[in-house]
Amino acid sequence: MSRRVVVALACVFLIALVAASAVLFVWPSQDTPTHADAVVVLAGSKTRRLDRALELMRRHVAPTLVISDGRVPGWPQANRLCTGPAPFRVVCFRASPYSTRGEAETVARIAAARGWRSLVVVTSTYHLRRAKLLFERCFPGRVQTVGASYSVTELPAVLASEWAKLVYALTVARDC
């Protein structure tokens, strides 16, 4: 193969990778929920995710807020919600295993015990595609996802991480 063909193929691959990354992780589709049984905040970018979930709770999207890792030290806003009075029901848990898959499995168990049929999952925008995939595998009801903003400086690291985790979820770990 000539050098020119190799360079052209590399450019095509790079353009396809950038386009796919934009669609999957930078500007993924997300839902505009109107009602659900619970709003679930995934652990991670704590402040932005919780703020976005609280916006949904103020709009009365759900009667229950579920916070993953809400009792962890260093997250005072979640700690207050998990231990004190709130204008809505609050359920706090720590997933085991401590991963998005573990969160999906744990929330599915909580939902089954409470008879929930619909969830709104709040996570960082770059994480929406994989979170929805995992929650839909574990929870038999309707799953909607809403993204929270993140710092653009995180983008290179999260793109590499999310690509790897998404490929793993699609090829190796295909069950709940």
C-alpha atoms as a PDB file:
ATOM      1  CA  MET A   1       0.000   0.000   0.000  1.00  0.00           C
ATOM      2  CA  SER A   2       1.324   3.410  -0.862  1.00  0.00           C
ATOM      3  CA  ARG A   3       2.044   6.020   1.761  1.00  0.00           C
ATOM      4  CA  ARG A   4      -0.691   8.229   0.329  1.00  0.00           C
ATOM      5  CA  VAL A   5      -3.324   5.497   0.772  1.00  0.00           C
ATOM      6  CA  VAL A   6      -2.207   4.844   4.351  1.00  0.00           C
ATOM      7  CA  VAL A   7      -2.444   8.554   5.196  1.00  0.00           C
ATOM      8  CA  ALA A   8      -5.876   8.800   3.530  1.00  0.00           C
ATOM      9  CA  LEU A   9      -7.147   5.771   5.472  1.00  0.00           C
ATOM     10  CA  ALA A  10      -5.761   7.188   8.714  1.00  0.00           C
ATOM     11  CA  CYS A  11      -7.546  10.491   8.035  1.00  0.00           C
ATOM     12  CA  VAL A  12     -10.824   8.715   7.303  1.00  0.00           C
ATOM     13  CA  PHE A  13     -10.475   6.675  10.504  1.00  0.00           C
ATOM     14  CA  LEU A  14      -9.690   9.794  12.543  1.00  0.00           C
ATOM     15  CA  ILE A  15     -12.676  11.681  11.123  1.00  0.00           C
ATOM     16  CA  ALA A  16     -14.958   8.705  11.833  1.00  0.00           C
ATOM     17  CA  LEU A  17     -13.611   8.446  15.393  1.00  0.00           C
ATOM     18  CA  VAL A  18     -14.176  12.150  16.051  1.00  0.00           C
ATOM     19  CA  ALA A  19     -17.704  12.007  14.599  1.00  0.00           C
ATOM     20  CA  ALA A  20     -18.615   8.890  16.577  1.00  0.00           C
ATOM     21  CA  SER A  21     -17.174  10.407  19.772  1.00  0.00           C
ATOM     22  CA  ALA A  22     -19.232  13.550  19.254  1.00  0.00           C
ATOM     23  CA  VAL A  23     -22.452  11.574  18.767  1.00  0.00           C
ATOM     24  CA  LEU A  24     -21.846   9.062  21.555  1.00  0.00           C
ATOM     25  CA  PHE A  25     -20.189  11.158  24.256  1.00  0.00           C
ATOM     26  CA  VAL A  26     -20.209  14.913  23.585  1.00  0.00           C
ATOM     27  CA  TRP A  27     -23.738  15.479  22.244  1.00  0.00           C
ATOM     28  CA  PRO A  28     -25.608  12.217  22.908  1.00  0.00           C
ATOM     29  CA  SER A  29     -29.373  12.096  22.781  1.00  0.00           C
ATOM     30  CA  GLN A  30     -31.037  12.574  26.114  1.00  0.00           C
ATOM     31  CA  ASP A  31     -34.568  12.551  27.374  1.00  0.00           C
ATOM     32  CA  THR A  32     -36.856  15.298  28.616  1.00  0.00           C
ATOM     33  CA  PRO A  33     -38.617  13.464  31.424  1.00  0.00           C
ATOM     34  CA  THR A  34     -42.008  14.549  32.663  1.00  0.00           C
ATOM     35  CA  HIS A  35     -42.700  11.826  35.222  1.00  0.00           C
ATOM     36  CA  ALA A  36     -40.985   8.787  36.740  1.00  0.00           C
ATOM     37  CA  ASP A  37     -41.036   6.786  39.944  1.00  0.00           C
ATOM     38  CA  ALA A  38     -37.518   7.920  40.900  1.00  0.00           C
ATOM     39  CA  VAL A  39     -34.658  10.163  39.833  1.00  0.00           C
ATOM     40  CA  VAL A  40     -31.326   8.357  40.238  1.00  0.00           C
ATOM     41  CA  VAL A  41     -28.041  10.264  40.621  1.00  0.00           C
ATOM     42  CA  LEU A  42     -24.973   8.224  39.734  1.00  0.00           C
ATOM     43  CA  ALA A  43     -21.741   8.660  41.683  1.00  0.00           C
ATOM     44  CA  GLY A  44     -18.977  10.556  39.961  1.00  0.00           C
ATOM     45  CA  SER A  45     -19.105  14.247  39.164  1.00  0.00           C
ATOM     46  CA  LYS A  46     -21.088  14.749  42.306  1.00  0.00           C
ATOM     47  CA  THR A  47     -22.029  18.425  42.433  1.00  0.00           C
ATOM     48  CA  ARG A  48     -23.132  18.854  38.822  1.00  0.00           C
ATOM     49  CA  ARG A  49     -25.039  15.577  38.717  1.00  0.00           C
ATOM     50  CA  LEU A  50     -26.831  16.223  41.996  1.00  0.00           C
ATOM     51  CA  ASP A  51     -27.674  19.807  40.991  1.00  0.00           C
ATOM     52  CA  ARG A  52     -29.241  18.510  37.760  1.00  0.00           C
ATOM     53  CA  ALA A  53     -31.210  15.872  39.691  1.00  0.00           C
ATOM     54  CA  LEU A  54     -32.448  18.491  42.154  1.00  0.00           C
ATOM     55  CA  GLU A  55     -33.705  20.579  39.226  1.00  0.00           C
ATOM     56  CA  LEU A  56     -35.797  17.582  38.188  1.00  0.00           C
ATOM     57  CA  MET A  57     -37.053  17.086  41.740  1.00  0.00           C
ATOM     58  CA  ARG A  58     -38.086  20.770  41.935  1.00  0.00           C
ATOM     59  CA  ARG A  59     -40.098  20.173  38.735  1.00  0.00           C
ATOM     60  CA  HIS A  60     -41.782  17.210  40.507  1.00  0.00           C
ATOM     61  CA  VAL A  61     -40.562  14.690  37.936  1.00  0.00           C
ATOM     62  CA  ALA A  62     -40.494  11.987  40.623  1.00  0.00           C
ATOM     63  CA  PRO A  63     -41.430  11.591  44.289  1.00  0.00           C
ATOM     64  CA  THR A  64     -38.129   9.872  45.186  1.00  0.00           C
ATOM     65  CA  LEU A  65     -34.485  10.869  44.735  1.00  0.00           C
ATOM     66  CA  VAL A  66     -31.975   8.008  44.749  1.00  0.00           C
ATOM     67  CA  ILE A  67     -28.341   8.973  45.380  1.00  0.00           C
ATOM     68  CA  SER A  68     -25.468   6.613  44.682  1.00  0.00           C
ATOM     69  CA  ASP A  69     -22.687   7.022  47.240  1.00  0.00           C
ATOM     70  CA  GLY A  70     -24.551   9.895  48.913  1.00  0.00           C
ATOM     71  CA  ARG A  71     -23.032   9.227  52.315  1.00  0.00           C
ATOM     72  CA  VAL A  72     -19.420   9.436  51.164  1.00  0.00           C
ATOM     73  CA  PRO A  73     -17.380  11.989  53.157  1.00  0.00           C
ATOM     74  CA  GLY A  74     -16.684  15.172  51.231  1.00  0.00           C
ATOM     75  CA  TRP A  75     -20.113  15.441  49.601  1.00  0.00           C
ATOM     76  CA  PRO A  76     -21.988  17.604  52.135  1.00  0.00           C
ATOM     77  CA  GLN A  77     -24.974  18.386  49.897  1.00  0.00           C
ATOM     78  CA  ALA A  78     -25.741  14.679  49.416  1.00  0.00           C
ATOM     79  CA  ASN A  79     -24.885  13.883  53.044  1.00  0.00           C
ATOM     80  CA  ARG A  80     -27.558  16.358  54.208  1.00  0.00           C
ATOM     81  CA  LEU A  81     -30.154  14.852  51.873  1.00  0.00           C
ATOM     82  CA  CYS A  82     -29.303  11.305  52.962  1.00  0.00           C
ATOM     83  CA  THR A  83     -29.498  12.029  56.687  1.00  0.00           C
ATOM     84  CA  GLY A  84     -31.850  14.950  57.109  1.00  0.00           C
ATOM     85  CA  PRO A  85     -35.322  16.021  56.183  1.00  0.00           C
ATOM     86  CA  ALA A  86     -36.043  16.711  52.520  1.00  0.00           C
ATOM     87  CA  PRO A  87     -39.164  17.801  50.639  1.00  0.00           C
ATOM     88  CA  PHE A  88     -39.206  14.394  48.898  1.00  0.00           C
ATOM     89  CA  ARG A  89     -38.222  10.817  49.679  1.00  0.00           C
ATOM     90  CA  VAL A  90     -34.478  10.146  49.522  1.00  0.00           C
ATOM     91  CA  VAL A  91     -32.820   6.743  49.166  1.00  0.00           C
ATOM     92  CA  CYS A  92     -29.039   6.546  49.463  1.00  0.00           C
ATOM     93  CA  PHE A  93     -26.927   3.500  48.667  1.00  0.00           C
ATOM     94  CA  ARG A  94     -23.417   2.367  47.873  1.00  0.00           C
ATOM     95  CA  ALA A  95     -23.226   0.030  44.901  1.00  0.00           C
ATOM     96  CA  SER A  96     -21.484  -3.294  45.134  1.00  0.00           C
ATOM     97  CA  PRO A  97     -19.564  -3.727  42.960  1.00  0.00           C
ATOM     98  CA  TYR A  98     -18.697  -0.044  42.883  1.00  0.00           C
ATOM     99  CA  SER A  99     -19.260   0.607  39.189  1.00  0.00           C
ATOM    100  CA  THR A 100     -21.985   1.780  36.838  1.00  0.00           C
ATOM    101  CA  ARG A 101     -23.028  -1.846  36.387  1.00  0.00           C
ATOM    102  CA  GLY A 102     -23.150  -2.204  40.183  1.00  0.00           C
ATOM    103  CA  GLU A 103     -25.282   0.937  40.412  1.00  0.00           C
ATOM    104  CA  ALA A 104     -27.670  -0.445  37.792  1.00  0.00           C
ATOM    105  CA  GLU A 105     -27.927  -3.792  39.605  1.00  0.00           C
ATOM    106  CA  THR A 106     -28.477  -2.143  43.003  1.00  0.00           C
ATOM    107  CA  VAL A 107     -31.068   0.316  41.713  1.00  0.00           C
ATOM    108  CA  ALA A 108     -32.893  -2.521  39.947  1.00  0.00           C
ATOM    109  CA  ARG A 109     -33.148  -4.369  43.279  1.00  0.00           C
ATOM    110  CA  ILE A 110     -34.378  -1.228  45.074  1.00  0.00           C
ATOM    111  CA  ALA A 111     -36.883  -0.585  42.279  1.00  0.00           C
ATOM    112  CA  ALA A 112     -38.202  -4.153  42.399  1.00  0.00           C
ATOM    113  CA  ALA A 113     -38.714  -3.923  46.159  1.00  0.00           C
ATOM    114  CA  ARG A 114     -40.606  -0.639  45.789  1.00  0.00           C
ATOM    115  CA  GLY A 115     -42.578  -1.504  42.669  1.00  0.00           C
ATOM    116  CA  TRP A 116     -41.023   1.181  40.483  1.00  0.00           C
ATOM    117  CA  ARG A 117     -41.625   0.980  36.739  1.00  0.00           C
ATOM    118  CA  SER A 118     -39.776   4.084  35.541  1.00  0.00           C
ATOM    119  CA  LEU A 119     -36.487   5.812  36.312  1.00  0.00           C
ATOM    120  CA  VAL A 120     -34.670   8.960  35.287  1.00  0.00           C
ATOM    121  CA  VAL A 121     -30.921   8.405  35.524  1.00  0.00           C
ATOM    122  CA  VAL A 122     -28.773  11.515  35.906  1.00  0.00           C
ATOM    123  CA  THR A 123     -25.102  11.298  35.045  1.00  0.00           C
ATOM    124  CA  SER A 124     -22.480  13.301  33.159  1.00  0.00           C
ATOM    125  CA  THR A 125     -23.335  13.812  29.501  1.00  0.00           C
ATOM    126  CA  TYR A 126     -20.335  11.767  28.330  1.00  0.00           C
ATOM    127  CA  HIS A 127     -21.623   8.825  30.393  1.00  0.00           C
ATOM    128  CA  LEU A 128     -25.243   8.798  29.154  1.00  0.00           C
ATOM    129  CA  ARG A 129     -24.946   6.169  26.427  1.00  0.00           C
ATOM    130  CA  ARG A 130     -23.308   3.513  28.598  1.00  0.00           C
ATOM    131  CA  ALA A 131     -25.403   4.290  31.683  1.00  0.00           C
ATOM    132  CA  LYS A 132     -28.615   3.898  29.677  1.00  0.00           C
ATOM    133  CA  LEU A 133     -27.363   0.642  28.161  1.00  0.00           C
ATOM    134  CA  LEU A 134     -26.546  -0.829  31.578  1.00  0.00           C
ATOM    135  CA  PHE A 135     -29.721   0.370  33.298  1.00  0.00           C
ATOM    136  CA  GLU A 136     -31.889  -0.960  30.475  1.00  0.00           C
ATOM    137  CA  ARG A 137     -30.195  -4.340  30.855  1.00  0.00           C
ATOM    138  CA  CYS A 138     -30.817  -4.469  34.606  1.00  0.00           C
ATOM    139  CA  PHE A 139     -34.135  -2.657  35.064  1.00  0.00           C
ATOM    140  CA  PRO A 140     -37.216  -3.997  33.275  1.00  0.00           C
ATOM    141  CA  GLY A 141     -39.089  -0.667  33.235  1.00  0.00           C
ATOM    142  CA  ARG A 142     -38.675   2.602  31.370  1.00  0.00           C
ATOM    143  CA  VAL A 143     -35.261   4.257  31.676  1.00  0.00           C
ATOM    144  CA  GLN A 144     -34.741   7.880  30.729  1.00  0.00           C
ATOM    145  CA  THR A 145     -31.389   9.631  30.931  1.00  0.00           C
ATOM    146  CA  VAL A 146     -30.493  13.241  31.605  1.00  0.00           C
ATOM    147  CA  GLY A 147     -26.994  14.642  31.306  1.00  0.00           C
ATOM    148  CA  ALA A 148     -25.140  16.963  33.613  1.00  0.00           C
ATOM    149  CA  SER A 149     -22.410  19.232  32.337  1.00  0.00           C
ATOM    150  CA  TYR A 150     -18.730  18.530  32.897  1.00  0.00           C
ATOM    151  CA  SER A 151     -15.485  20.400  32.471  1.00  0.00           C
ATOM    152  CA  VAL A 152     -14.147  20.364  28.922  1.00  0.00           C
ATOM    153  CA  THR A 153     -10.694  19.716  30.375  1.00  0.00           C
ATOM    154  CA  GLU A 154     -11.958  16.244  31.330  1.00  0.00           C
ATOM    155  CA  LEU A 155     -12.836  15.405  27.727  1.00  0.00           C
ATOM    156  CA  PRO A 156      -9.641  13.673  26.528  1.00  0.00           C
ATOM    157  CA  ALA A 157      -9.501  11.366  29.544  1.00  0.00           C
ATOM    158  CA  VAL A 158     -13.234  10.585  29.599  1.00  0.00           C
ATOM    159  CA  LEU A 159     -13.322   9.883  25.858  1.00  0.00           C
ATOM    160  CA  ALA A 160     -10.621   7.251  26.147  1.00  0.00           C
ATOM    161  CA  SER A 161     -12.223   5.775  29.258  1.00  0.00           C
ATOM    162  CA  GLU A 162     -15.784   5.763  27.902  1.00  0.00           C
ATOM    163  CA  TRP A 163     -14.739   4.221  24.575  1.00  0.00           C
ATOM    164  CA  ALA A 164     -13.012   1.379  26.429  1.00  0.00           C
ATOM    165  CA  LYS A 165     -15.893   0.844  28.861  1.00  0.00           C
ATOM    166  CA  LEU A 166     -18.537   0.994  26.127  1.00  0.00           C
ATOM    167  CA  VAL A 167     -16.698  -1.529  23.962  1.00  0.00           C
ATOM    168  CA  TYR A 168     -16.332  -3.778  27.016  1.00  0.00           C
ATOM    169  CA  ALA A 169     -20.053  -3.503  27.834  1.00  0.00           C
ATOM    170  CA  LEU A 170     -21.018  -4.224  24.224  1.00  0.00           C
ATOM    171  CA  THR A 171     -18.663  -7.168  23.688  1.00  0.00           C
ATOM    172  CA  VAL A 172     -17.595  -8.847  26.930  1.00  0.00           C
ATOM    173  CA  ALA A 173     -19.985  -7.966  29.775  1.00  0.00           C
ATOM    174  CA  ARG A 174     -23.277  -8.211  27.918  1.00  0.00           C
ATOM    175  CA  ASP A 175     -25.553  -9.126  30.817  1.00  0.00           C
ATOM    176  CA  CYS A 176     -26.799  -7.192  33.797  1.00  0.00           C
END
